[in-house]
N, C-alpha and C. Protein backbone atom coordinates (compact mmCIF):
# COMPACT_ATOMS: atom_id res chain seq x y z
N MET A 1 0.83 -1.19 0.00
CA MET A 1 0.00 0.00 0.00
C MET A 1 0.87 1.25 0.00
N LEU A 2 2.02 1.18 0.65
CA LEU A 2 2.90 2.34 0.73
C LEU A 2 3.44 2.68 -0.65
N PHE A 3 3.81 1.63 -1.41
CA PHE A 3 4.37 1.88 -2.74
C PHE A 3 3.30 2.43 -3.69
N LEU A 4 2.07 1.98 -3.51
CA LEU A 4 1.00 2.46 -4.38
C LEU A 4 0.79 3.96 -4.18
N GLY A 5 0.76 4.38 -2.93
CA GLY A 5 0.59 5.80 -2.65
C GLY A 5 1.79 6.60 -3.13
N LEU A 6 2.97 6.05 -2.99
CA LEU A 6 4.19 6.73 -3.43
C LEU A 6 4.20 6.89 -4.95
N GLY A 7 3.71 5.86 -5.65
CA GLY A 7 3.66 5.93 -7.11
C GLY A 7 2.72 7.03 -7.59
N VAL A 8 1.62 7.20 -6.89
CA VAL A 8 0.67 8.25 -7.27
C VAL A 8 1.30 9.61 -7.07
N ARG A 9 2.05 9.76 -5.97
CA ARG A 9 2.69 11.05 -5.69
C ARG A 9 3.75 11.36 -6.73
N ILE A 10 4.51 10.36 -7.14
CA ILE A 10 5.55 10.58 -8.15
C ILE A 10 4.91 11.02 -9.47
N GLN A 11 3.79 10.40 -9.81
CA GLN A 11 3.10 10.76 -11.06
C GLN A 11 2.63 12.21 -11.00
N GLU A 12 2.14 12.65 -9.84
CA GLU A 12 1.69 14.04 -9.70
C GLU A 12 2.87 14.99 -9.84
N ILE A 13 4.02 14.62 -9.28
CA ILE A 13 5.21 15.48 -9.38
C ILE A 13 5.66 15.58 -10.83
N ILE A 14 5.63 14.46 -11.53
CA ILE A 14 6.04 14.47 -12.94
C ILE A 14 5.10 15.37 -13.74
N LEU A 15 3.80 15.29 -13.43
CA LEU A 15 2.84 16.13 -14.14
C LEU A 15 3.07 17.61 -13.85
N LEU A 16 3.54 17.92 -12.64
CA LEU A 16 3.82 19.32 -12.32
C LEU A 16 5.06 19.81 -13.07
N ILE A 17 6.06 18.93 -13.21
CA ILE A 17 7.29 19.33 -13.88
C ILE A 17 7.07 19.43 -15.39
N PHE A 18 6.46 18.42 -15.94
CA PHE A 18 6.20 18.38 -17.38
C PHE A 18 4.71 18.61 -17.61
N PRO A 19 4.32 19.83 -17.97
CA PRO A 19 2.89 20.09 -18.13
C PRO A 19 2.24 19.24 -19.23
N THR A 20 3.00 18.95 -20.27
CA THR A 20 2.46 18.07 -21.31
C THR A 20 3.07 16.70 -21.08
N PRO A 21 2.35 15.81 -20.50
CA PRO A 21 2.91 14.50 -20.18
C PRO A 21 3.17 13.69 -21.44
N HIS A 22 4.03 12.70 -21.26
CA HIS A 22 4.33 11.82 -22.39
C HIS A 22 3.12 10.98 -22.76
N PHE A 23 2.30 10.72 -21.78
CA PHE A 23 1.10 9.93 -22.03
C PHE A 23 -0.08 10.88 -22.11
N PRO A 24 -0.77 10.93 -23.20
CA PRO A 24 -1.86 11.90 -23.33
C PRO A 24 -2.98 11.58 -22.36
N THR A 25 -3.45 12.64 -21.70
CA THR A 25 -4.55 12.45 -20.76
C THR A 25 -5.89 12.50 -21.48
N SER A 26 -5.87 12.97 -22.73
CA SER A 26 -7.14 13.01 -23.47
C SER A 26 -7.56 11.57 -23.75
N PRO A 27 -8.82 11.34 -23.69
CA PRO A 27 -9.26 9.95 -23.92
C PRO A 27 -8.91 9.51 -25.33
N LEU A 28 -8.56 8.27 -25.41
CA LEU A 28 -8.20 7.71 -26.71
C LEU A 28 -9.42 7.73 -27.61
N PRO A 29 -9.20 7.99 -28.88
CA PRO A 29 -10.37 8.00 -29.77
C PRO A 29 -11.00 6.62 -29.82
N THR A 30 -12.28 6.62 -29.65
CA THR A 30 -12.98 5.33 -29.68
C THR A 30 -12.99 4.87 -31.12
N PRO A 31 -12.40 3.74 -31.36
CA PRO A 31 -12.35 3.26 -32.75
C PRO A 31 -13.76 3.01 -33.26
N HIS A 32 -13.94 3.33 -34.50
CA HIS A 32 -15.26 3.17 -35.11
C HIS A 32 -15.50 1.68 -35.32
N THR A 33 -16.18 1.12 -34.36
CA THR A 33 -16.50 -0.31 -34.49
C THR A 33 -17.82 -0.39 -35.22
N SER A 34 -17.70 -0.56 -36.51
CA SER A 34 -18.93 -0.66 -37.30
C SER A 34 -19.54 -2.02 -37.01
N HIS A 35 -20.74 -1.95 -36.54
CA HIS A 35 -21.46 -3.19 -36.23
C HIS A 35 -22.14 -3.64 -37.51
N PRO A 36 -21.46 -4.48 -38.24
CA PRO A 36 -22.07 -4.85 -39.51
C PRO A 36 -23.25 -5.76 -39.30
N THR A 37 -24.39 -5.29 -39.71
CA THR A 37 -25.55 -6.18 -39.68
C THR A 37 -25.45 -7.00 -40.95
N PRO A 38 -25.01 -8.23 -40.81
CA PRO A 38 -24.78 -9.02 -42.02
C PRO A 38 -26.09 -9.27 -42.74
N HIS A 39 -26.03 -9.13 -44.03
CA HIS A 39 -27.22 -9.37 -44.83
C HIS A 39 -27.42 -10.87 -44.89
N THR A 40 -28.27 -11.34 -44.00
CA THR A 40 -28.55 -12.77 -43.99
C THR A 40 -29.63 -13.00 -45.03
N LEU A 41 -29.18 -13.39 -46.18
CA LEU A 41 -30.11 -13.61 -47.27
C LEU A 41 -30.80 -14.94 -47.05
N HIS A 42 -32.08 -14.85 -46.83
CA HIS A 42 -32.86 -16.08 -46.71
C HIS A 42 -33.28 -16.45 -48.12
N PRO A 43 -32.52 -17.31 -48.74
CA PRO A 43 -32.82 -17.55 -50.15
C PRO A 43 -34.10 -18.33 -50.31
N THR A 44 -35.05 -17.71 -50.97
CA THR A 44 -36.26 -18.44 -51.31
C THR A 44 -35.95 -19.13 -52.62
N PRO A 45 -35.66 -20.42 -52.55
CA PRO A 45 -35.22 -21.09 -53.78
C PRO A 45 -36.33 -21.08 -54.81
N HIS A 46 -35.95 -20.77 -56.00
CA HIS A 46 -36.93 -20.70 -57.09
C HIS A 46 -37.24 -22.12 -57.52
N THR A 47 -38.27 -22.66 -56.90
CA THR A 47 -38.68 -24.01 -57.28
C THR A 47 -39.69 -23.85 -58.40
N SER A 48 -39.20 -23.97 -59.60
CA SER A 48 -40.08 -23.79 -60.74
C SER A 48 -41.00 -25.01 -60.82
N HIS A 49 -42.27 -24.72 -60.66
CA HIS A 49 -43.25 -25.80 -60.76
C HIS A 49 -43.62 -25.92 -62.23
N PRO A 50 -42.97 -26.79 -62.92
CA PRO A 50 -43.23 -26.82 -64.36
C PRO A 50 -44.59 -27.42 -64.65
N THR A 51 -45.44 -26.63 -65.24
CA THR A 51 -46.71 -27.19 -65.69
C THR A 51 -46.42 -27.78 -67.05
N PRO A 52 -46.25 -29.08 -67.10
CA PRO A 52 -45.84 -29.68 -68.36
C PRO A 52 -46.93 -29.52 -69.40
N HIS A 53 -46.51 -29.19 -70.58
CA HIS A 53 -47.46 -29.04 -71.66
C HIS A 53 -47.88 -30.44 -72.08
N THR A 54 -48.98 -30.87 -71.51
CA THR A 54 -49.48 -32.20 -71.87
C THR A 54 -50.31 -32.01 -73.13
N LEU A 55 -49.69 -32.30 -74.21
CA LEU A 55 -50.37 -32.13 -75.49
C LEU A 55 -51.34 -33.27 -75.70
N HIS A 56 -52.59 -32.90 -75.70
CA HIS A 56 -53.61 -33.91 -75.98
C HIS A 56 -53.75 -33.92 -77.50
N PRO A 57 -53.08 -34.81 -78.12
CA PRO A 57 -53.07 -34.73 -79.58
C PRO A 57 -54.42 -35.08 -80.16
N THR A 58 -55.01 -34.11 -80.80
CA THR A 58 -56.24 -34.40 -81.53
C THR A 58 -55.78 -34.84 -82.91
N PRO A 59 -55.75 -36.12 -83.14
CA PRO A 59 -55.17 -36.58 -84.40
C PRO A 59 -56.02 -36.11 -85.57
N HIS A 60 -55.34 -35.62 -86.54
CA HIS A 60 -56.03 -35.11 -87.72
C HIS A 60 -56.46 -36.29 -88.56
N THR A 61 -57.68 -36.70 -88.30
CA THR A 61 -58.19 -37.83 -89.09
C THR A 61 -58.94 -37.23 -90.28
N PRO A 62 -58.29 -37.16 -91.39
CA PRO A 62 -58.97 -36.56 -92.54
C PRO A 62 -60.14 -37.43 -92.99
N HIS A 63 -61.28 -36.80 -92.99
CA HIS A 63 -62.47 -37.53 -93.43
C HIS A 63 -62.55 -37.36 -94.94
N PRO A 64 -62.02 -38.31 -95.61
CA PRO A 64 -61.98 -38.11 -97.06
C PRO A 64 -63.38 -38.21 -97.67
N THR A 65 -63.77 -37.15 -98.22
CA THR A 65 -65.03 -37.22 -98.97
C THR A 65 -64.63 -37.66 -100.38
N PRO A 66 -64.76 -38.95 -100.64
CA PRO A 66 -64.29 -39.43 -101.94
C PRO A 66 -65.16 -38.87 -103.06
N HIS A 67 -64.46 -38.48 -104.06
CA HIS A 67 -65.18 -37.95 -105.21
C HIS A 67 -65.82 -39.13 -105.94
N THR A 68 -67.02 -39.39 -105.56
CA THR A 68 -67.72 -40.50 -106.23
C THR A 68 -68.30 -39.93 -107.52
N LEU A 69 -67.63 -40.28 -108.55
CA LEU A 69 -68.04 -39.77 -109.85
C LEU A 69 -69.25 -40.56 -110.34
N HIS A 70 -70.33 -39.85 -110.45
CA HIS A 70 -71.53 -40.49 -110.99
C HIS A 70 -71.43 -40.37 -112.50
N PRO A 71 -71.10 -41.45 -113.09
CA PRO A 71 -70.90 -41.35 -114.55
C PRO A 71 -72.22 -41.03 -115.26
N THR A 72 -72.18 -39.91 -115.88
CA THR A 72 -73.35 -39.58 -116.69
C THR A 72 -73.17 -40.30 -118.01
N CYS A 73 -73.91 -41.30 -118.14
CA CYS A 73 -73.77 -42.12 -119.33
C CYS A 73 -74.35 -41.36 -120.52
N VAL A 74 -73.46 -40.97 -121.31
CA VAL A 74 -73.91 -40.24 -122.49
C VAL A 74 -74.21 -41.30 -123.57
N LEU A 75 -75.47 -41.52 -123.78
CA LEU A 75 -75.84 -42.55 -124.76
C LEU A 75 -75.97 -41.87 -126.13
N GLY A 76 -75.28 -42.40 -127.04
CA GLY A 76 -75.21 -41.81 -128.35
C GLY A 76 -76.27 -42.10 -129.26
């Protein structure tokens, strides 16, 4: 305890002798601790719901109307 009190007194004497101390008494600048709010990307995965083109093929069934030639019998 004696040395602690003596150390404080020596520091006061040094401050009286040297008005500008070697150690700055001004508070140290508080470093800019940027609190990064990390962009937590909640990825909504693009689940493409493919609506498959179910082609219902309507088959082209050609209804042939046959040219039924009615022979006009030309009797001479």
